[in-house]
Amino acid sequence: MKRISLLTFLSFLIFSACSTQQVVQNQTSSSTDDGIFELTLVQINDVYEITALNNGKEGGLARVATIKDREKAKNPNTFMLMAGDFLSPSVFNSLKHNDQRIRGAQMIDALNAAGLDFAGLGNHEFDIKESEFQDRLNESNFTWISSNTFHYNDHTFSPFHKVLSDGNKEYIPEEVILDLKDEDGTEVKIGIFSILLPFNKADYVAYKDVFKTAQEKYDMLSQTCDAVIALTHLNMDDDIKLAEQIPGLALIIGGHEHDSRFKVVGEVPITKAHANARTVYINKLKIDKNNNTRQATLDLVKMDESIPLQAKTKAVVDKWMKIAADSYATIGFDAMKIVLEEGEPFDVLEASIRHHPTNFSKAVVKAMEKAAPKAQAVVINSGSMRLDDMMYPPVSEYDILRAMPYGGKIVEADVTGDLLTQVLDAGMSNITEGGFLQFSEHITKDGNQWKMNGKKIEDNQVYRVGFADFLMLGLEANLGFLNKNNPKVKKVYPDESDALHPKNDLRRALIQYLRK
């Protein structure tokens, strides 16, 4: 648990803006206004799993719902905030329900049940199609805030919106002002704006400058609000820069890193909880209007078995988990079956796996080699591994499915050495992207020369290589030349006839390899 107290100056001026959403929450008050107001903010970020992980021992939105219920019982001025990244990646995104791709519908349903109040956007929100993202907006009961990220269409950009049941549009606000009152009548205004790093360049999204926008929003909100909070999805270095640029912020509630982060810059605290709600931050802000000061108490709370599962949210989670389990059972997976009881956690973070091999990518490569023993080497794109998190034992089949939601086959092909080296070079150029390649450890590079088993890969020699089937479609960035029609692909071997053969599903290959 982390706790820190901060005192900062409050400013009181007056301003209004048409892009601002006003939220009024009044309590029956006495006539003994003491000028002191307490606000509680329950923070989650980077949540890709609705269910509890590690055999139900940690995380889970039903536990988060319990935390919010507890805090709201103590202080009616309690709100839950999500600091981005929750619609994708997910094992559910490869599944259908009622003939529609799920694509985050399970997360919206669970967050609605858990009582989420406000959400900022994360870069992974735009992994899904525009129409799917619109559906998720429409289904949500909470308020989204988007200060620098907009809908791009026909060379113009406008705020994202919900389509309401009556067909009208409700535009996503660029900022929110909470008009709040406590039991003794103390009234405050709390301003919240939300900033996203311009990482995901989906064609339906446009971004404004992070720091310029943040400054503009703070300058506006600080004129009328007793405290201004930034809800961010930035790299930690950028959160620090933001705190340095705007020292009057009451708090930066952030996401993106997946491991917990905490730092105080000047008098601005920055909080980030662990991904998948393994922890939540309970941020309490005490505002004393008598002397224009603020005091922040910041508690990082572990979501373990000591926190019960709220029944309402658990029912929604159980519904979706059954949908997933039933779907996977039809193709031969037992989602809850344990694959690996113990061992070191697997690193499936994009920040790792799209830069260098990790213990998880090495296991995938070894599994491919075992499934395709006649191949001289195997190659897979890092984008096939979508968890973007650490995976802790015991590892279940569900964990493998959520790490590699798209599955895919191993396609064996005879390719010339010069094509193989071209593929490997392109993979190296794709560092930081899904097209960064993972391959057999006996393929190495010595200066500008690629080698296999210590020997130079010869241009005109033919090598039998097992590729992830997505690569052989020619759809990967900078690898469009790798396809069955390339004359340097001399032969493509037929698929295995047995649907349950590990070559026919990378996930099954990995499960069998880990079980050994």
Protein backbone atom coordinates (compact mmCIF):
# COMPACT_ATOMS: atom_id res chain seq x y z
CA MET A 1 0.00 0.00 0.00
CA LYS A 2 1.28 3.44 -0.91
CA ARG A 3 0.09 6.56 0.83
CA ILE A 4 1.14 10.17 0.38
CA SER A 5 -0.24 13.48 1.53
CA LEU A 6 0.11 16.59 -0.61
CA LEU A 7 -0.81 20.21 -0.07
CA THR A 8 -1.41 22.40 -3.10
CA PHE A 9 -2.91 25.79 -3.85
CA LEU A 10 -6.45 26.00 -5.22
CA SER A 11 -7.62 28.69 -7.61
CA PHE A 12 -11.18 29.98 -7.94
CA LEU A 13 -12.29 31.85 -11.07
CA ILE A 14 -15.22 31.43 -13.45
CA PHE A 15 -15.34 29.95 -16.96
CA SER A 16 -17.70 27.88 -19.11
CA ALA A 17 -17.30 25.82 -22.29
CA CYS A 18 -19.76 24.15 -24.62
CA SER A 19 -17.65 20.96 -24.89
CA THR A 20 -17.88 20.42 -21.15
CA GLN A 21 -20.25 17.91 -19.58
CA GLN A 22 -21.66 19.03 -16.25
CA VAL A 23 -22.36 16.28 -13.70
CA VAL A 24 -24.36 17.35 -10.65
CA GLN A 25 -24.49 15.16 -7.56
CA ASN A 26 -26.20 16.73 -4.56
CA GLN A 27 -26.72 15.31 -1.09
CA THR A 28 -29.21 16.40 1.54
CA SER A 29 -27.11 18.82 3.55
CA SER A 30 -27.12 20.28 7.01
CA SER A 31 -26.50 23.93 7.79
CA THR A 32 -23.03 23.27 9.23
CA ASP A 33 -20.85 23.69 6.15
CA ASP A 34 -17.30 23.14 7.38
CA GLY A 35 -15.65 24.08 4.07
CA ILE A 36 -13.96 20.68 3.80
CA PHE A 37 -14.81 18.22 1.02
CA GLU A 38 -13.58 14.67 0.44
CA LEU A 39 -13.59 12.94 -2.95
CA THR A 40 -12.78 9.27 -3.59
CA LEU A 41 -11.62 8.02 -6.99
CA VAL A 42 -11.29 4.28 -7.63
CA GLN A 43 -8.78 3.82 -10.46
CA ILE A 44 -8.29 0.94 -12.89
CA ASN A 45 -6.35 0.88 -16.14
CA ASP A 46 -5.27 -1.53 -18.88
CA VAL A 47 -7.93 -4.14 -18.15
CA TYR A 48 -8.27 -6.84 -20.81
CA GLU A 49 -9.83 -9.58 -18.69
CA ILE A 50 -13.27 -9.41 -17.12
CA THR A 51 -12.64 -12.47 -14.97
CA ALA A 52 -10.29 -13.05 -12.05
CA LEU A 53 -6.93 -14.53 -13.06
CA ASN A 54 -4.51 -17.00 -11.51
CA ASN A 55 -7.24 -19.54 -10.83
CA GLY A 56 -9.51 -16.79 -9.55
CA LYS A 57 -7.02 -15.59 -6.96
CA GLU A 58 -6.39 -12.07 -8.28
CA GLY A 59 -8.03 -9.34 -10.28
CA GLY A 60 -11.50 -9.50 -11.74
CA LEU A 61 -14.00 -6.73 -12.34
CA ALA A 62 -16.34 -8.24 -9.74
CA ARG A 63 -13.70 -7.48 -7.09
CA VAL A 64 -13.30 -3.94 -8.42
CA ALA A 65 -17.07 -3.52 -8.11
CA THR A 66 -16.84 -4.57 -4.46
CA ILE A 67 -14.19 -1.93 -3.84
CA LYS A 68 -16.35 0.76 -5.39
CA ASP A 69 -19.37 -0.36 -3.35
CA ARG A 70 -17.34 -0.22 -0.14
CA GLU A 71 -15.92 3.20 -0.85
CA LYS A 72 -19.26 4.63 -1.95
CA ALA A 73 -20.85 3.38 1.27
CA LYS A 74 -18.26 5.39 3.18
CA ASN A 75 -18.39 8.43 0.89
CA PRO A 76 -21.22 9.03 -1.60
CA ASN A 77 -18.82 11.25 -3.58
CA THR A 78 -17.01 8.20 -4.94
CA PHE A 79 -16.36 7.55 -8.63
CA MET A 80 -14.67 4.79 -10.62
CA LEU A 81 -12.36 5.80 -13.47
CA MET A 82 -10.75 3.74 -16.24
CA ALA A 83 -7.49 5.13 -17.64
CA GLY A 84 -7.75 3.47 -21.06
CA ASP A 85 -7.09 0.14 -22.79
CA PHE A 86 -9.98 -2.23 -22.16
CA LEU A 87 -11.65 -3.14 -25.47
CA SER A 88 -8.67 -4.98 -26.92
CA PRO A 89 -6.67 -7.22 -27.01
CA SER A 90 -8.84 -10.01 -25.67
CA VAL A 91 -9.52 -13.67 -26.24
CA PHE A 92 -13.14 -12.64 -26.80
CA ASN A 93 -12.23 -10.61 -29.86
CA SER A 94 -11.83 -13.77 -31.91
CA LEU A 95 -15.26 -15.06 -30.89
CA LYS A 96 -18.81 -14.46 -32.06
CA HIS A 97 -22.03 -14.16 -30.09
CA ASN A 98 -25.41 -13.96 -31.81
CA ASP A 99 -23.52 -14.00 -35.14
CA GLN A 100 -21.63 -10.82 -34.24
CA ARG A 101 -17.97 -10.44 -33.36
CA ILE A 102 -17.78 -9.76 -29.63
CA ARG A 103 -14.94 -7.22 -29.92
CA GLY A 104 -15.15 -5.76 -26.41
CA ALA A 105 -18.89 -6.22 -25.81
CA GLN A 106 -18.09 -8.44 -22.83
CA MET A 107 -15.98 -5.68 -21.28
CA ILE A 108 -18.63 -2.99 -21.70
CA ASP A 109 -21.26 -5.29 -20.19
CA ALA A 110 -19.06 -6.05 -17.18
CA LEU A 111 -17.99 -2.43 -16.65
CA ASN A 112 -21.62 -1.31 -16.81
CA ALA A 113 -22.42 -3.84 -14.09
CA ALA A 114 -19.40 -2.85 -12.00
CA GLY A 115 -20.48 0.79 -11.97
CA LEU A 116 -17.75 2.48 -14.00
CA ASP A 117 -18.36 6.23 -14.05
CA PHE A 118 -15.73 7.68 -16.40
CA ALA A 119 -13.42 6.22 -19.05
CA GLY A 120 -10.54 7.68 -20.98
CA LEU A 121 -9.41 6.20 -24.28
CA GLY A 122 -6.39 3.93 -24.67
CA ASN A 123 -4.48 3.09 -27.83
CA HIS A 124 -5.92 -0.46 -27.89
CA GLU A 125 -9.48 0.87 -28.12
CA PHE A 126 -8.76 1.42 -31.83
CA ASP A 127 -7.59 -2.13 -32.55
CA ILE A 128 -11.18 -2.90 -33.48
CA LYS A 129 -13.11 -1.68 -36.50
CA GLU A 130 -14.86 1.68 -36.52
CA SER A 131 -18.31 0.09 -36.58
CA GLU A 132 -17.37 -2.17 -33.67
CA PHE A 133 -16.02 0.76 -31.66
CA GLN A 134 -19.26 2.64 -32.32
CA ASP A 135 -21.26 -0.33 -31.04
CA ARG A 136 -19.23 -0.35 -27.83
CA LEU A 137 -19.83 3.38 -27.31
CA ASN A 138 -23.56 2.84 -27.82
CA GLU A 139 -23.66 -0.03 -25.31
CA SER A 140 -21.86 1.82 -22.53
CA ASN A 141 -23.68 3.36 -19.56
CA PHE A 142 -20.67 5.35 -18.35
CA THR A 143 -19.22 8.65 -19.55
CA TRP A 144 -16.27 8.64 -21.92
CA ILE A 145 -13.93 11.65 -21.90
CA SER A 146 -11.72 12.47 -24.88
CA SER A 147 -9.79 15.73 -24.96
CA ASN A 148 -7.32 15.18 -27.79
CA THR A 149 -8.71 12.18 -29.72
CA PHE A 150 -11.48 12.53 -32.29
CA HIS A 151 -13.43 10.75 -34.98
CA TYR A 152 -11.83 11.26 -38.40
CA ASN A 153 -14.07 11.07 -41.45
CA ASP A 154 -13.81 12.60 -44.91
CA HIS A 155 -10.86 14.86 -43.99
CA THR A 156 -12.67 16.31 -40.99
CA PHE A 157 -12.70 15.37 -37.34
CA SER A 158 -15.40 15.64 -34.71
CA PRO A 159 -16.05 14.22 -31.24
CA PHE A 160 -16.95 10.56 -30.99
CA HIS A 161 -20.57 10.00 -29.98
CA LYS A 162 -23.06 7.50 -28.66
CA VAL A 163 -26.20 6.75 -30.64
CA LEU A 164 -29.02 6.72 -28.09
CA SER A 165 -32.09 4.48 -28.17
CA ASP A 166 -34.13 7.33 -29.68
CA GLY A 167 -31.60 7.74 -32.51
CA ASN A 168 -30.13 10.97 -31.20
CA LYS A 169 -26.39 11.43 -30.77
CA GLU A 170 -24.70 12.09 -27.45
CA TYR A 171 -21.25 13.49 -28.10
CA ILE A 172 -18.29 12.42 -26.01
CA PRO A 173 -17.20 15.45 -23.93
CA GLU A 174 -13.68 16.84 -24.08
CA GLU A 175 -13.83 17.45 -20.35
CA VAL A 176 -16.21 16.95 -17.44
CA ILE A 177 -17.00 19.18 -14.47
CA LEU A 178 -18.42 17.47 -11.40
CA ASP A 179 -20.65 19.75 -9.30
CA LEU A 180 -20.57 18.03 -5.94
CA LYS A 181 -21.91 18.63 -2.43
CA ASP A 182 -21.26 16.70 0.75
CA GLU A 183 -23.49 16.00 3.75
CA ASP A 184 -22.74 19.26 5.55
CA GLY A 185 -23.25 21.35 2.43
CA THR A 186 -19.68 21.95 1.22
CA GLU A 187 -19.80 22.41 -2.55
CA VAL A 188 -16.93 21.88 -4.99
CA LYS A 189 -16.31 21.64 -8.69
CA ILE A 190 -13.92 18.96 -9.96
CA GLY A 191 -12.65 19.16 -13.53
CA ILE A 192 -11.47 16.08 -15.44
CA PHE A 193 -9.85 15.99 -18.87
CA SER A 194 -8.45 12.95 -20.68
CA ILE A 195 -5.39 12.64 -22.91
CA LEU A 196 -4.21 9.74 -25.12
CA LEU A 197 -0.84 9.21 -26.75
CA PRO A 198 -1.17 9.23 -30.58
CA PHE A 199 0.11 5.67 -30.96
CA ASN A 200 -2.64 3.84 -32.83
CA LYS A 201 -3.03 5.33 -36.30
CA ALA A 202 -6.40 3.78 -37.13
CA ASP A 203 -7.88 5.48 -40.18
CA TYR A 204 -10.98 6.67 -38.30
CA VAL A 205 -9.03 8.46 -35.55
CA ALA A 206 -7.41 11.91 -35.40
CA TYR A 207 -5.28 13.34 -32.61
CA LYS A 208 -4.48 16.78 -31.29
CA ASP A 209 -1.17 17.51 -29.60
CA VAL A 210 -1.03 15.92 -26.14
CA PHE A 211 0.67 18.70 -24.22
CA LYS A 212 -0.92 21.67 -25.95
CA THR A 213 -4.38 20.18 -25.45
CA ALA A 214 -3.70 19.35 -21.81
CA GLN A 215 -2.57 22.91 -21.13
CA GLU A 216 -5.64 24.35 -22.83
CA LYS A 217 -7.98 22.11 -20.83
CA TYR A 218 -6.26 22.85 -17.55
CA ASP A 219 -6.26 26.60 -18.19
CA MET A 220 -9.99 26.49 -18.85
CA LEU A 221 -10.99 24.15 -16.03
CA SER A 222 -8.80 25.74 -13.38
CA GLN A 223 -10.72 28.99 -13.73
CA THR A 224 -13.89 27.46 -12.31
CA CYS A 225 -12.85 24.22 -10.60
CA ASP A 226 -11.49 23.58 -7.12
CA ALA A 227 -9.33 20.77 -8.48
CA VAL A 228 -8.38 19.54 -11.96
CA ILE A 229 -7.54 15.90 -12.62
CA ALA A 230 -5.85 14.49 -15.73
CA LEU A 231 -7.04 11.05 -16.82
CA THR A 232 -4.23 9.91 -19.11
CA HIS A 233 -3.01 7.04 -21.23
CA LEU A 234 0.60 8.04 -21.83
CA ASN A 235 4.08 6.69 -21.33
CA MET A 236 5.28 7.40 -17.79
CA ASP A 237 7.90 9.82 -19.12
CA ASP A 238 5.12 11.83 -20.77
CA ASP A 239 3.06 11.80 -17.58
CA ILE A 240 6.09 13.20 -15.77
CA LYS A 241 6.50 15.85 -18.46
CA LEU A 242 2.81 16.72 -18.12
CA ALA A 243 3.16 17.13 -14.35
CA GLU A 244 6.18 19.37 -14.85
CA GLN A 245 4.31 21.44 -17.44
CA ILE A 246 1.14 21.79 -15.33
CA PRO A 247 2.21 21.86 -11.66
CA GLY A 248 -1.30 22.85 -10.53
CA LEU A 249 -2.85 19.48 -11.38
CA ALA A 250 -4.40 17.77 -8.38
CA LEU A 251 -3.67 14.28 -9.71
CA ILE A 252 -2.68 12.36 -12.83
CA ILE A 253 -4.61 9.08 -13.08
CA GLY A 254 -2.74 7.15 -15.75
CA GLY A 255 -2.39 3.89 -17.62
CA HIS A 256 -0.35 2.19 -20.36
CA GLU A 257 2.61 0.57 -18.57
CA HIS A 258 0.75 -2.48 -17.12
CA ASP A 259 2.92 -2.66 -14.03
CA SER A 260 2.08 -0.30 -11.19
CA ARG A 261 3.74 3.11 -11.30
CA PHE A 262 3.82 5.90 -8.74
CA LYS A 263 5.68 9.17 -8.71
CA VAL A 264 5.25 12.65 -7.28
CA VAL A 265 6.47 15.44 -9.54
CA GLY A 266 6.55 18.67 -7.59
CA GLU A 267 3.18 18.41 -5.89
CA VAL A 268 1.49 16.33 -8.61
CA PRO A 269 1.05 12.61 -7.85
CA ILE A 270 0.96 10.15 -10.76
CA THR A 271 -0.75 6.80 -10.17
CA LYS A 272 -0.99 3.72 -12.40
CA ALA A 273 -2.40 0.41 -11.18
CA HIS A 274 -1.37 -3.04 -12.38
CA ALA A 275 -3.00 -4.31 -15.56
CA ASN A 276 -6.06 -6.55 -15.42
CA ALA A 277 -7.13 -5.07 -12.09
CA ARG A 278 -4.53 -7.01 -10.12
CA THR A 279 -4.47 -3.82 -8.08
CA VAL A 280 -6.59 -0.70 -7.93
CA TYR A 281 -5.68 2.74 -6.69
CA ILE A 282 -8.05 4.33 -4.19
CA ASN A 283 -7.25 8.01 -4.52
CA LYS A 284 -8.78 10.29 -1.90
CA LEU A 285 -8.68 14.04 -2.34
CA LYS A 286 -9.45 16.28 0.63
CA ILE A 287 -10.20 19.87 -0.35
CA ASP A 288 -10.13 22.55 2.35
CA LYS A 289 -11.82 25.66 1.00
CA ASN A 290 -11.04 27.57 4.18
CA ASN A 291 -7.35 27.84 3.34
CA ASN A 292 -7.31 26.81 -0.33
CA THR A 293 -5.38 23.57 0.17
CA ARG A 294 -5.65 19.99 -1.04
CA GLN A 295 -4.49 16.80 0.58
CA ALA A 296 -4.23 13.55 -1.40
CA THR A 297 -4.15 10.07 0.11
CA LEU A 298 -3.26 7.42 -2.45
CA ASP A 299 -3.67 3.73 -1.63
CA LEU A 300 -2.64 0.88 -3.93
CA VAL A 301 -4.87 -2.06 -3.03
CA LYS A 302 -4.17 -5.64 -4.09
CA MET A 303 -7.17 -7.41 -5.62
CA ASP A 304 -6.79 -10.84 -4.05
CA GLU A 305 -9.02 -13.43 -2.43
CA SER A 306 -9.59 -11.17 0.55
CA ILE A 307 -11.83 -9.04 -1.69
CA PRO A 308 -15.14 -10.82 -2.41
CA LEU A 309 -16.70 -10.89 -5.85
CA GLN A 310 -19.70 -8.59 -6.19
CA ALA A 311 -22.66 -10.78 -7.18
CA LYS A 312 -24.09 -8.52 -9.90
CA THR A 313 -20.83 -8.16 -11.81
CA LYS A 314 -19.87 -11.80 -11.24
CA ALA A 315 -23.11 -12.90 -12.89
CA VAL A 316 -22.27 -10.87 -16.00
CA VAL A 317 -18.69 -12.19 -16.03
CA ASP A 318 -19.88 -15.78 -15.62
CA LYS A 319 -22.29 -15.33 -18.53
CA TRP A 320 -19.50 -14.23 -20.86
CA MET A 321 -17.03 -16.83 -19.63
CA LYS A 322 -19.57 -19.55 -20.44
CA ILE A 323 -20.02 -18.07 -23.91
CA ALA A 324 -16.25 -18.24 -24.42
CA ALA A 325 -15.84 -21.73 -22.94
CA ASP A 326 -18.69 -23.14 -25.03
CA SER A 327 -17.22 -21.59 -28.15
CA TYR A 328 -13.76 -23.02 -27.55
CA ALA A 329 -15.10 -26.44 -26.58
CA THR A 330 -16.48 -26.79 -30.10
CA ILE A 331 -12.91 -26.68 -31.45
CA GLY A 332 -11.36 -28.95 -28.86
CA PHE A 333 -10.17 -26.67 -26.05
CA ASP A 334 -10.92 -27.00 -22.34
CA ALA A 335 -10.52 -23.39 -21.25
CA MET A 336 -10.08 -24.06 -17.52
CA LYS A 337 -7.70 -27.01 -17.81
CA ILE A 338 -4.25 -26.34 -16.34
CA VAL A 339 -1.35 -26.54 -18.78
CA LEU A 340 1.57 -25.53 -16.58
CA GLU A 341 1.39 -25.65 -12.79
CA GLU A 342 4.43 -23.58 -11.85
CA GLY A 343 7.46 -21.72 -13.14
CA GLU A 344 8.57 -18.23 -14.04
CA PRO A 345 5.93 -15.81 -15.37
CA PHE A 346 5.81 -15.51 -19.15
CA ASP A 347 6.59 -12.11 -20.64
CA VAL A 348 3.99 -11.37 -23.32
CA LEU A 349 4.27 -7.58 -23.07
CA GLU A 350 4.31 -5.83 -26.44
CA ALA A 351 7.12 -3.60 -25.17
CA SER A 352 9.23 -6.76 -24.83
CA ILE A 353 8.01 -9.16 -27.46
CA ARG A 354 8.10 -6.61 -30.29
CA HIS A 355 11.72 -5.76 -29.51
CA HIS A 356 13.39 -9.07 -28.67
CA PRO A 357 12.66 -12.71 -27.88
CA THR A 358 11.05 -13.42 -24.50
CA ASN A 359 10.52 -16.65 -22.62
CA PHE A 360 7.00 -16.76 -24.06
CA SER A 361 8.00 -16.23 -27.70
CA LYS A 362 10.78 -18.80 -27.27
CA ALA A 363 8.22 -21.30 -25.99
CA VAL A 364 6.00 -20.60 -29.02
CA VAL A 365 8.93 -21.14 -31.37
CA LYS A 366 9.88 -24.39 -29.63
CA ALA A 367 6.27 -25.52 -29.85
CA MET A 368 6.23 -24.83 -33.59
CA GLU A 369 9.46 -26.78 -34.03
CA LYS A 370 7.98 -29.73 -32.16
CA ALA A 371 4.76 -29.61 -34.18
CA ALA A 372 6.66 -29.40 -37.49
CA PRO A 373 9.76 -31.57 -36.93
CA LYS A 374 10.67 -31.74 -40.63
CA ALA A 375 11.07 -27.95 -40.84
CA GLN A 376 14.65 -26.69 -40.68
CA ALA A 377 13.46 -23.53 -38.94
CA VAL A 378 10.25 -21.76 -37.94
CA VAL A 379 9.19 -18.11 -38.11
CA ILE A 380 6.26 -16.28 -36.51
CA ASN A 381 5.21 -12.63 -36.26
CA SER A 382 5.12 -11.10 -32.77
CA GLY A 383 1.66 -9.73 -33.53
CA SER A 384 0.31 -13.27 -33.15
CA MET A 385 0.95 -12.87 -29.42
CA ARG A 386 -1.63 -10.36 -28.21
CA LEU A 387 -1.81 -10.54 -24.43
CA ASP A 388 0.34 -7.46 -23.78
CA ASP A 389 0.79 -8.52 -20.17
CA MET A 390 2.69 -10.91 -17.94
CA MET A 391 1.26 -14.43 -17.67
CA TYR A 392 1.62 -16.00 -14.24
CA PRO A 393 1.45 -19.73 -13.42
CA PRO A 394 -0.56 -21.79 -13.06
CA VAL A 395 -1.22 -21.40 -16.79
CA SER A 396 -4.54 -22.67 -18.14
CA GLU A 397 -5.67 -23.32 -21.69
CA TYR A 398 -7.67 -20.12 -21.35
CA ASP A 399 -4.41 -18.23 -20.70
CA ILE A 400 -2.94 -19.61 -23.92
CA LEU A 401 -6.11 -18.73 -25.80
CA ARG A 402 -6.10 -15.16 -24.52
CA ALA A 403 -2.39 -14.80 -25.34
CA MET A 404 -2.91 -16.03 -28.91
CA PRO A 405 -6.57 -15.31 -29.65
CA TYR A 406 -6.28 -15.72 -33.41
CA GLY A 407 -4.64 -19.14 -33.41
CA GLY A 408 -3.55 -19.90 -36.93
CA LYS A 409 -1.78 -22.79 -38.60
CA ILE A 410 1.85 -23.63 -39.25
CA VAL A 411 2.44 -23.60 -43.00
CA GLU A 412 5.57 -25.39 -44.15
CA ALA A 413 7.20 -24.19 -47.35
CA ASP A 414 10.41 -24.70 -49.30
CA VAL A 415 11.92 -21.25 -49.85
CA THR A 416 15.19 -20.05 -51.32
CA GLY A 417 17.87 -18.73 -49.01
CA ASP A 418 17.73 -15.24 -50.45
CA LEU A 419 13.97 -15.08 -49.79
CA LEU A 420 14.50 -16.32 -46.24
CA THR A 421 17.13 -13.66 -45.54
CA GLN A 422 14.84 -11.02 -47.09
CA VAL A 423 12.11 -12.15 -44.67
CA LEU A 424 14.48 -12.01 -41.70
CA ASP A 425 15.75 -8.54 -42.66
CA ALA A 426 12.19 -7.25 -43.01
CA GLY A 427 11.36 -8.67 -39.60
CA MET A 428 14.26 -6.81 -38.04
CA SER A 429 13.07 -3.56 -39.62
CA ASN A 430 9.65 -4.12 -38.03
CA ILE A 431 10.97 -3.67 -34.50
CA THR A 432 8.25 -2.23 -32.19
CA GLU A 433 5.55 -3.55 -34.57
CA GLY A 434 3.58 -6.77 -34.84
CA GLY A 435 5.68 -7.68 -37.87
CA PHE A 436 8.79 -8.05 -35.71
CA LEU A 437 9.66 -11.71 -36.19
CA GLN A 438 10.46 -14.46 -33.73
CA PHE A 439 12.33 -17.46 -35.14
CA SER A 440 14.37 -20.55 -34.32
CA GLU A 441 17.32 -19.90 -32.04
CA HIS A 442 19.71 -21.61 -34.46
CA ILE A 443 19.11 -18.76 -36.92
CA THR A 444 21.61 -16.04 -36.08
CA LYS A 445 23.04 -12.91 -37.64
CA ASP A 446 26.77 -12.25 -37.84
CA GLY A 447 27.24 -8.68 -39.06
CA ASN A 448 25.20 -8.54 -42.27
CA GLN A 449 25.19 -12.30 -42.73
CA TRP A 450 22.37 -14.59 -41.65
CA LYS A 451 23.33 -18.09 -40.57
CA MET A 452 21.51 -21.33 -39.82
CA ASN A 453 23.23 -23.73 -37.44
CA GLY A 454 26.36 -21.63 -37.77
CA LYS A 455 26.48 -21.84 -41.57
CA LYS A 456 25.73 -19.00 -43.98
CA ILE A 457 22.24 -19.10 -45.46
CA GLU A 458 23.00 -19.54 -49.16
CA ASP A 459 20.92 -17.55 -51.64
CA ASN A 460 20.21 -20.42 -54.02
CA GLN A 461 19.81 -23.17 -51.47
CA VAL A 462 16.28 -24.28 -50.61
CA TYR A 463 15.21 -24.42 -46.96
CA ARG A 464 12.10 -25.99 -45.46
CA VAL A 465 10.62 -23.40 -43.10
CA GLY A 466 7.51 -23.48 -40.92
CA PHE A 467 5.72 -20.11 -41.04
CA ALA A 468 2.74 -18.82 -39.09
CA ASP A 469 0.05 -18.91 -41.76
CA PHE A 470 -0.66 -15.17 -41.46
CA LEU A 471 2.84 -14.48 -42.78
CA MET A 472 2.25 -16.61 -45.86
CA LEU A 473 -0.76 -14.49 -46.78
CA GLY A 474 1.52 -11.54 -47.51
CA LEU A 475 -0.46 -9.28 -45.19
CA GLU A 476 2.23 -8.43 -42.65
CA ALA A 477 3.88 -4.99 -42.77
CA ASN A 478 6.96 -4.95 -45.03
CA LEU A 479 6.44 -8.65 -45.77
CA GLY A 480 3.93 -8.50 -48.59
CA PHE A 481 6.38 -10.34 -50.83
CA LEU A 482 6.07 -13.48 -48.67
CA ASN A 483 3.20 -15.38 -50.24
CA LYS A 484 2.53 -18.60 -52.09
CA ASN A 485 2.76 -16.88 -55.48
CA ASN A 486 6.34 -15.72 -54.97
CA PRO A 487 8.49 -17.77 -57.40
CA LYS A 488 11.08 -18.17 -54.65
CA VAL A 489 8.53 -20.17 -52.69
CA LYS A 490 9.31 -23.49 -54.34
CA LYS A 491 6.76 -25.67 -52.58
CA VAL A 492 3.99 -25.32 -50.02
CA TYR A 493 3.27 -28.50 -48.09
CA PRO A 494 -0.35 -29.56 -47.55
CA ASP A 495 -2.10 -29.05 -44.23
CA GLU A 496 -2.51 -31.95 -41.84
CA SER A 497 -5.83 -33.71 -42.36
CA ASP A 498 -6.40 -34.18 -38.62
CA ALA A 499 -8.13 -31.02 -37.36
CA LEU A 500 -6.62 -31.57 -33.90
CA HIS A 501 -3.04 -31.87 -35.16
CA PRO A 502 -0.88 -29.21 -33.45
CA LYS A 503 0.19 -27.83 -36.84
CA ASN A 504 -3.40 -26.81 -37.44
CA ASP A 505 -3.55 -24.48 -34.44
CA LEU A 506 -0.58 -22.66 -32.89
CA ARG A 507 -2.33 -22.61 -29.54
CA ARG A 508 -2.76 -26.37 -29.49
CA ALA A 509 0.90 -26.72 -30.43
CA LEU A 510 1.91 -24.52 -27.49
CA ILE A 511 -0.39 -26.31 -25.05
CA GLN A 512 1.03 -29.69 -26.03
CA TYR A 513 4.60 -28.38 -25.82
CA LEU A 514 4.11 -26.91 -22.34
CA ARG A 515 2.54 -30.13 -21.08
CA LYS A 516 5.48 -32.14 -22.46
